[in-house]
Amino acid sequence: MAVSRRPLRVVLADEHHLFRNGLRGTLAAEGMTIVGEASDGEGAVAVAREREADVVVIDPRMAGNSGIDTLRRIVTARPQARVIVLTASAEHSEVLEALAAGACCFLLKDMRVEDLLASIRLAAAGHAVLSREIAKALTGELRSAGYEAVSAANHGPQLTARELDVLRLITQGADNATIGRELSISGHTVKQHVTSILGKLGVQNRVQAAVRAVRADLL
């Protein structure tokens, strides 16, 4: 999705007013425009469509509604919007269901503010993002589920040593800024590596790259 230079138009959907209030202030301080808020699923769907949101940040565990159904309805009502799940905890099945329903990100509320802001910007730019804890758990479950590994040496994509370093951090849920700090490389260099990795793996986003890495036993 192409994002213009105007401020991001964000909808916040969470049943806790205090949390929404704090998040509203944080995002507004970063130049984002909060165009609407909702405390239930019906309100989230309506405001996302009516206020022409670029990004919807939603906790699907709101009282009185099916979170996954709400995600699907938001995606249908406002397909241009990037839907970010921001919740307190999650089972692996919930993560997979949310991603299948159209969410591009699954984040946990205990993440650092700077990581949340980076994730929202990545999502708006068309990327998929998982919290580091979610990514670790999900890739671990894929391994334990018995996905057949493919020998990287003989059949898998040929990644450089540095690309493997970047891919390892991607599977842990790290954003570009974190990868740059961990590997002492510039943000531009990180972007080049990520683009190369996605191309070599034949995938569209970081979540798919993480799954592909596990299936091909690249790490």
C-alpha atoms as a PDB file:
ATOM      1  CA  MET A   1       0.000   0.000   0.000  1.00  0.00           C
ATOM      2  CA  ALA A   2       1.406   3.396  -0.941  1.00  0.00           C
ATOM      3  CA  VAL A   3       1.389   5.902   1.896  1.00  0.00           C
ATOM      4  CA  SER A   4       1.482   9.627   1.151  1.00  0.00           C
ATOM      5  CA  ARG A   5       3.480  12.187   3.057  1.00  0.00           C
ATOM      6  CA  ARG A   6       0.428  13.400   4.956  1.00  0.00           C
ATOM      7  CA  PRO A   7       0.145  12.319   8.596  1.00  0.00           C
ATOM      8  CA  LEU A   8      -1.028   8.765   9.106  1.00  0.00           C
ATOM      9  CA  ARG A   9      -4.739   8.579   9.864  1.00  0.00           C
ATOM     10  CA  VAL A  10      -5.107   6.148  12.759  1.00  0.00           C
ATOM     11  CA  VAL A  11      -8.146   4.564  14.406  1.00  0.00           C
ATOM     12  CA  LEU A  12      -7.793   3.153  17.927  1.00  0.00           C
ATOM     13  CA  ALA A  13     -10.112   0.323  18.990  1.00  0.00           C
ATOM     14  CA  ASP A  14      -9.758  -0.826  22.588  1.00  0.00           C
ATOM     15  CA  GLU A  15     -12.310  -1.184  25.346  1.00  0.00           C
ATOM     16  CA  HIS A  16     -10.076   0.478  27.934  1.00  0.00           C
ATOM     17  CA  HIS A  17     -10.408   4.262  27.799  1.00  0.00           C
ATOM     18  CA  LEU A  18      -7.263   4.849  29.839  1.00  0.00           C
ATOM     19  CA  PHE A  19      -5.150   2.784  27.446  1.00  0.00           C
ATOM     20  CA  ARG A  20      -6.626   4.528  24.401  1.00  0.00           C
ATOM     21  CA  ASN A  21      -5.957   7.892  25.989  1.00  0.00           C
ATOM     22  CA  GLY A  22      -2.296   7.067  26.573  1.00  0.00           C
ATOM     23  CA  LEU A  23      -1.822   5.590  23.117  1.00  0.00           C
ATOM     24  CA  ARG A  24      -3.570   8.558  21.522  1.00  0.00           C
ATOM     25  CA  GLY A  25      -1.127  10.953  23.144  1.00  0.00           C
ATOM     26  CA  THR A  26       1.891   8.843  22.167  1.00  0.00           C
ATOM     27  CA  LEU A  27       0.911   8.590  18.498  1.00  0.00           C
ATOM     28  CA  ALA A  28      -0.144  12.226  18.244  1.00  0.00           C
ATOM     29  CA  ALA A  29       3.229  13.291  19.642  1.00  0.00           C
ATOM     30  CA  GLU A  30       4.822  11.420  16.738  1.00  0.00           C
ATOM     31  CA  GLY A  31       2.803  13.321  14.156  1.00  0.00           C
ATOM     32  CA  MET A  32       0.055  10.779  13.565  1.00  0.00           C
ATOM     33  CA  THR A  33      -3.576  11.888  13.409  1.00  0.00           C
ATOM     34  CA  ILE A  34      -6.085   9.970  15.518  1.00  0.00           C
ATOM     35  CA  VAL A  35      -9.208  10.211  13.385  1.00  0.00           C
ATOM     36  CA  GLY A  36     -11.450   8.000  15.498  1.00  0.00           C
ATOM     37  CA  GLU A  37     -11.775   5.668  18.458  1.00  0.00           C
ATOM     38  CA  ALA A  38     -13.997   2.751  19.371  1.00  0.00           C
ATOM     39  CA  SER A  39     -14.590   0.586  22.422  1.00  0.00           C
ATOM     40  CA  ASP A  40     -16.313  -2.324  20.659  1.00  0.00           C
ATOM     41  CA  GLY A  41     -16.266  -4.195  17.385  1.00  0.00           C
ATOM     42  CA  GLU A  42     -19.250  -2.484  15.781  1.00  0.00           C
ATOM     43  CA  GLY A  43     -17.768   0.918  16.476  1.00  0.00           C
ATOM     44  CA  ALA A  44     -14.356  -0.141  15.160  1.00  0.00           C
ATOM     45  CA  VAL A  45     -15.793  -1.255  11.816  1.00  0.00           C
ATOM     46  CA  ALA A  46     -17.853   1.912  11.416  1.00  0.00           C
ATOM     47  CA  VAL A  47     -15.171   4.399  12.349  1.00  0.00           C
ATOM     48  CA  ALA A  48     -12.482   2.685  10.252  1.00  0.00           C
ATOM     49  CA  ARG A  49     -14.720   3.026   7.173  1.00  0.00           C
ATOM     50  CA  GLU A  50     -16.177   6.466   7.836  1.00  0.00           C
ATOM     51  CA  ARG A  51     -12.940   8.187   8.864  1.00  0.00           C
ATOM     52  CA  GLU A  52     -10.896   6.662   5.997  1.00  0.00           C
ATOM     53  CA  ALA A  53      -8.236   5.225   8.254  1.00  0.00           C
ATOM     54  CA  ASP A  54      -4.761   4.328   7.017  1.00  0.00           C
ATOM     55  CA  VAL A  55      -4.078   2.221  10.110  1.00  0.00           C
ATOM     56  CA  VAL A  56      -6.399   0.544  12.612  1.00  0.00           C
ATOM     57  CA  VAL A  57      -4.834  -0.426  15.944  1.00  0.00           C
ATOM     58  CA  ILE A  58      -7.181  -2.880  17.613  1.00  0.00           C
ATOM     59  CA  ASP A  59      -7.356  -5.178  20.601  1.00  0.00           C
ATOM     60  CA  PRO A  60      -9.744  -7.872  19.350  1.00  0.00           C
ATOM     61  CA  ARG A  61     -10.467  -8.975  22.923  1.00  0.00           C
ATOM     62  CA  MET A  62     -13.139  -6.355  23.413  1.00  0.00           C
ATOM     63  CA  ALA A  63     -16.251  -7.371  25.307  1.00  0.00           C
ATOM     64  CA  GLY A  64     -19.300  -8.448  23.359  1.00  0.00           C
ATOM     65  CA  ASN A  65     -17.768  -9.147  19.966  1.00  0.00           C
ATOM     66  CA  SER A  66     -15.865 -11.745  17.993  1.00  0.00           C
ATOM     67  CA  GLY A  67     -12.413 -10.292  17.478  1.00  0.00           C
ATOM     68  CA  ILE A  68     -11.604 -12.302  14.367  1.00  0.00           C
ATOM     69  CA  ASP A  69     -14.952 -11.461  12.800  1.00  0.00           C
ATOM     70  CA  THR A  70     -14.327  -7.780  13.572  1.00  0.00           C
ATOM     71  CA  LEU A  71     -10.933  -7.956  11.854  1.00  0.00           C
ATOM     72  CA  ARG A  72     -12.514  -9.457   8.743  1.00  0.00           C
ATOM     73  CA  ARG A  73     -15.238  -6.814   8.680  1.00  0.00           C
ATOM     74  CA  ILE A  74     -12.716  -3.984   9.020  1.00  0.00           C
ATOM     75  CA  VAL A  75     -10.667  -5.387   6.143  1.00  0.00           C
ATOM     76  CA  THR A  76     -13.843  -5.621   4.031  1.00  0.00           C
ATOM     77  CA  ALA A  77     -15.097  -2.170   5.004  1.00  0.00           C
ATOM     78  CA  ARG A  78     -11.761  -0.426   4.610  1.00  0.00           C
ATOM     79  CA  PRO A  79      -9.423  -2.627   2.517  1.00  0.00           C
ATOM     80  CA  GLN A  80      -6.895   0.204   2.196  1.00  0.00           C
ATOM     81  CA  ALA A  81      -6.302   0.207   5.953  1.00  0.00           C
ATOM     82  CA  ARG A  82      -3.483  -1.712   7.603  1.00  0.00           C
ATOM     83  CA  VAL A  83      -4.888  -3.568  10.616  1.00  0.00           C
ATOM     84  CA  ILE A  84      -2.596  -3.941  13.625  1.00  0.00           C
ATOM     85  CA  VAL A  85      -3.544  -6.222  16.504  1.00  0.00           C
ATOM     86  CA  LEU A  86      -2.244  -4.854  19.808  1.00  0.00           C
ATOM     87  CA  THR A  87      -3.218  -7.047  22.738  1.00  0.00           C
ATOM     88  CA  ALA A  88      -1.985  -8.284  26.110  1.00  0.00           C
ATOM     89  CA  SER A  89      -1.283 -11.913  25.219  1.00  0.00           C
ATOM     90  CA  ALA A  90      -2.118 -14.470  22.586  1.00  0.00           C
ATOM     91  CA  GLU A  91      -2.281 -18.143  21.804  1.00  0.00           C
ATOM     92  CA  HIS A  92      -0.542 -19.251  18.636  1.00  0.00           C
ATOM     93  CA  SER A  93      -3.895 -20.120  17.068  1.00  0.00           C
ATOM     94  CA  GLU A  94      -5.108 -16.565  17.679  1.00  0.00           C
ATOM     95  CA  VAL A  95      -2.089 -15.133  15.893  1.00  0.00           C
ATOM     96  CA  LEU A  96      -2.599 -17.338  12.851  1.00  0.00           C
ATOM     97  CA  GLU A  97      -6.340 -16.606  12.775  1.00  0.00           C
ATOM     98  CA  ALA A  98      -5.728 -12.858  12.999  1.00  0.00           C
ATOM     99  CA  LEU A  99      -3.174 -12.914  10.184  1.00  0.00           C
ATOM    100  CA  ALA A 100      -5.497 -15.054   8.061  1.00  0.00           C
ATOM    101  CA  ALA A 101      -8.332 -12.590   8.736  1.00  0.00           C
ATOM    102  CA  GLY A 102      -6.285  -9.735   7.292  1.00  0.00           C
ATOM    103  CA  ALA A 103      -4.230  -8.290  10.140  1.00  0.00           C
ATOM    104  CA  CYS A 104      -0.735  -7.319   9.034  1.00  0.00           C
ATOM    105  CA  CYS A 105       0.780  -7.119  12.509  1.00  0.00           C
ATOM    106  CA  PHE A 106       0.358  -8.896  15.824  1.00  0.00           C
ATOM    107  CA  LEU A 107       1.912  -6.994  18.713  1.00  0.00           C
ATOM    108  CA  LEU A 108       1.889  -7.280  22.485  1.00  0.00           C
ATOM    109  CA  LYS A 109       1.072  -4.381  24.783  1.00  0.00           C
ATOM    110  CA  ASP A 110       4.228  -4.811  26.863  1.00  0.00           C
ATOM    111  CA  MET A 111       6.492  -3.875  23.946  1.00  0.00           C
ATOM    112  CA  ARG A 112       8.640  -0.755  24.069  1.00  0.00           C
ATOM    113  CA  VAL A 113       7.054   2.466  22.812  1.00  0.00           C
ATOM    114  CA  GLU A 114       9.763   3.009  20.215  1.00  0.00           C
ATOM    115  CA  ASP A 115       9.221  -0.513  18.868  1.00  0.00           C
ATOM    116  CA  LEU A 116       5.471   0.065  18.662  1.00  0.00           C
ATOM    117  CA  LEU A 117       5.968   3.296  16.726  1.00  0.00           C
ATOM    118  CA  ALA A 118       8.405   1.608  14.363  1.00  0.00           C
ATOM    119  CA  SER A 119       5.958  -1.277  13.844  1.00  0.00           C
ATOM    120  CA  ILE A 120       3.103   1.086  12.993  1.00  0.00           C
ATOM    121  CA  ARG A 121       5.259   2.880  10.431  1.00  0.00           C
ATOM    122  CA  LEU A 122       6.408  -0.424   8.943  1.00  0.00           C
ATOM    123  CA  ALA A 123       2.803  -1.588   8.722  1.00  0.00           C
ATOM    124  CA  ALA A 124       1.748   1.639   7.016  1.00  0.00           C
ATOM    125  CA  ALA A 125       4.564   1.128   4.493  1.00  0.00           C
ATOM    126  CA  GLY A 126       3.200  -2.300   3.610  1.00  0.00           C
ATOM    127  CA  HIS A 127       5.194  -4.612   5.867  1.00  0.00           C
ATOM    128  CA  ALA A 128       4.014  -7.365   8.206  1.00  0.00           C
ATOM    129  CA  VAL A 129       5.337  -7.301  11.760  1.00  0.00           C
ATOM    130  CA  LEU A 130       5.170  -9.631  14.758  1.00  0.00           C
ATOM    131  CA  SER A 131       6.213  -8.905  18.329  1.00  0.00           C
ATOM    132  CA  ARG A 132       9.528 -10.590  19.052  1.00  0.00           C
ATOM    133  CA  GLU A 133       7.931 -12.934  21.600  1.00  0.00           C
ATOM    134  CA  ILE A 134       5.180 -13.896  19.171  1.00  0.00           C
ATOM    135  CA  ALA A 135       7.665 -14.521  16.351  1.00  0.00           C
ATOM    136  CA  LYS A 136       9.850 -16.728  18.532  1.00  0.00           C
ATOM    137  CA  ALA A 137       6.888 -18.752  19.760  1.00  0.00           C
ATOM    138  CA  LEU A 138       5.401 -19.082  16.287  1.00  0.00           C
ATOM    139  CA  THR A 139       8.602 -20.239  14.618  1.00  0.00           C
ATOM    140  CA  GLY A 140       9.173 -22.629  17.517  1.00  0.00           C
ATOM    141  CA  GLU A 141       5.723 -24.107  17.015  1.00  0.00           C
ATOM    142  CA  LEU A 142       6.359 -24.519  13.312  1.00  0.00           C
ATOM    143  CA  ARG A 143       9.463 -26.525  14.135  1.00  0.00           C
ATOM    144  CA  SER A 144       7.681 -28.686  16.690  1.00  0.00           C
ATOM    145  CA  ALA A 145       4.761 -29.223  14.307  1.00  0.00           C
ATOM    146  CA  GLY A 146       7.105 -31.223  12.119  1.00  0.00           C
ATOM    147  CA  TYR A 147       7.466 -29.106   9.000  1.00  0.00           C
ATOM    148  CA  GLU A 148       9.821 -30.998   6.739  1.00  0.00           C
ATOM    149  CA  ALA A 149      13.146 -29.197   6.653  1.00  0.00           C
ATOM    150  CA  VAL A 150      14.837 -28.567   3.334  1.00  0.00           C
ATOM    151  CA  SER A 151      18.607 -28.645   3.157  1.00  0.00           C
ATOM    152  CA  ALA A 152      19.697 -25.062   2.611  1.00  0.00           C
ATOM    153  CA  ALA A 153      23.021 -26.189   1.181  1.00  0.00           C
ATOM    154  CA  ASN A 154      21.423 -28.239  -1.603  1.00  0.00           C
ATOM    155  CA  HIS A 155      17.914 -26.930  -2.150  1.00  0.00           C
ATOM    156  CA  GLY A 156      17.364 -23.698  -0.284  1.00  0.00           C
ATOM    157  CA  PRO A 157      18.071 -20.104  -1.325  1.00  0.00           C
ATOM    158  CA  GLN A 158      21.699 -19.079  -1.095  1.00  0.00           C
ATOM    159  CA  LEU A 159      21.836 -16.303   1.484  1.00  0.00           C
ATOM    160  CA  THR A 160      25.031 -14.555   2.480  1.00  0.00           C
ATOM    161  CA  ALA A 161      26.290 -14.782   6.059  1.00  0.00           C
ATOM    162  CA  ARG A 162      25.088 -11.223   6.716  1.00  0.00           C
ATOM    163  CA  GLU A 163      21.666 -11.957   5.216  1.00  0.00           C
ATOM    164  CA  LEU A 164      21.369 -14.947   7.523  1.00  0.00           C
ATOM    165  CA  ASP A 165      22.164 -12.663  10.467  1.00  0.00           C
ATOM    166  CA  VAL A 166      19.398 -10.300   9.355  1.00  0.00           C
ATOM    167  CA  LEU A 167      16.975 -13.171   8.744  1.00  0.00           C
ATOM    168  CA  ARG A 168      17.650 -14.578  12.217  1.00  0.00           C
ATOM    169  CA  LEU A 169      16.669 -11.236  13.756  1.00  0.00           C
ATOM    170  CA  ILE A 170      13.600 -11.000  11.506  1.00  0.00           C
ATOM    171  CA  THR A 171      12.378 -14.353  12.842  1.00  0.00           C
ATOM    172  CA  GLN A 172      12.770 -12.923  16.349  1.00  0.00           C
ATOM    173  CA  GLY A 173      10.449 -10.028  15.472  1.00  0.00           C
ATOM    174  CA  ALA A 174      13.133  -7.338  15.250  1.00  0.00           C
ATOM    175  CA  ASP A 175      12.380  -4.225  13.213  1.00  0.00           C
ATOM    176  CA  ASN A 176      14.924  -2.515  10.942  1.00  0.00           C
ATOM    177  CA  ALA A 177      16.146  -0.138  13.636  1.00  0.00           C
ATOM    178  CA  THR A 178      16.780  -3.008  16.047  1.00  0.00           C
ATOM    179  CA  ILE A 179      18.546  -5.036  13.346  1.00  0.00           C
ATOM    180  CA  GLY A 180      20.766  -2.067  12.589  1.00  0.00           C
ATOM    181  CA  ARG A 181      21.718  -1.683  16.245  1.00  0.00           C
ATOM    182  CA  GLU A 182      22.324  -5.394  16.727  1.00  0.00           C
ATOM    183  CA  LEU A 183      24.537  -5.718  13.653  1.00  0.00           C
ATOM    184  CA  SER A 184      26.068  -2.215  13.713  1.00  0.00           C
ATOM    185  CA  ILE A 185      24.910  -1.397  10.183  1.00  0.00           C
ATOM    186  CA  SER A 186      22.956   1.520   8.762  1.00  0.00           C
ATOM    187  CA  GLY A 187      19.223   1.571   8.227  1.00  0.00           C
ATOM    188  CA  HIS A 188      19.788   1.795   4.474  1.00  0.00           C
ATOM    189  CA  THR A 189      21.954  -1.318   4.552  1.00  0.00           C
ATOM    190  CA  VAL A 190      19.319  -3.172   6.579  1.00  0.00           C
ATOM    191  CA  LYS A 191      16.670  -2.288   3.986  1.00  0.00           C
ATOM    192  CA  GLN A 192      18.919  -3.568   1.196  1.00  0.00           C
ATOM    193  CA  HIS A 193      19.454  -6.856   3.034  1.00  0.00           C
ATOM    194  CA  VAL A 194      15.734  -7.268   3.760  1.00  0.00           C
ATOM    195  CA  THR A 195      14.836  -6.607   0.124  1.00  0.00           C
ATOM    196  CA  SER A 196      17.429  -9.143  -1.023  1.00  0.00           C
ATOM    197  CA  ILE A 197      16.217 -11.740   1.501  1.00  0.00           C
ATOM    198  CA  LEU A 198      12.579 -11.382   0.469  1.00  0.00           C
ATOM    199  CA  GLY A 199      13.566 -11.739  -3.166  1.00  0.00           C
ATOM    200  CA  LYS A 200      15.719 -14.804  -2.609  1.00  0.00           C
ATOM    201  CA  LEU A 201      13.082 -16.482  -0.446  1.00  0.00           C
ATOM    202  CA  GLY A 202      10.325 -15.618  -2.910  1.00  0.00           C
ATOM    203  CA  VAL A 203       8.088 -14.061  -0.258  1.00  0.00           C
ATOM    204  CA  GLN A 204       6.247 -10.769   0.129  1.00  0.00           C
ATOM    205  CA  ASN A 205       6.807  -9.823   3.753  1.00  0.00           C
ATOM    206  CA  ARG A 206       8.753 -10.491   6.941  1.00  0.00           C
ATOM    207  CA  VAL A 207       6.257 -12.927   8.460  1.00  0.00           C
ATOM    208  CA  GLN A 208       6.391 -15.081   5.340  1.00  0.00           C
ATOM    209  CA  ALA A 209      10.191 -14.847   5.445  1.00  0.00           C
ATOM    210  CA  ALA A 210      10.244 -16.153   9.013  1.00  0.00           C
ATOM    211  CA  VAL A 211       8.002 -19.089   8.131  1.00  0.00           C
ATOM    212  CA  ARG A 212      10.062 -19.849   5.010  1.00  0.00           C
ATOM    213  CA  ALA A 213      13.264 -19.768   7.076  1.00  0.00           C
ATOM    214  CA  VAL A 214      11.882 -22.347   9.495  1.00  0.00           C
ATOM    215  CA  ARG A 215      10.514 -24.611   6.781  1.00  0.00           C
ATOM    216  CA  ALA A 216      13.821 -24.538   4.888  1.00  0.00           C
ATOM    217  CA  ASP A 217      15.868 -24.971   8.085  1.00  0.00           C
ATOM    218  CA  LEU A 218      17.914 -21.914   7.172  1.00  0.00           C
ATOM    219  CA  LEU A 219      18.789 -20.859  10.719  1.00  0.00           C
END
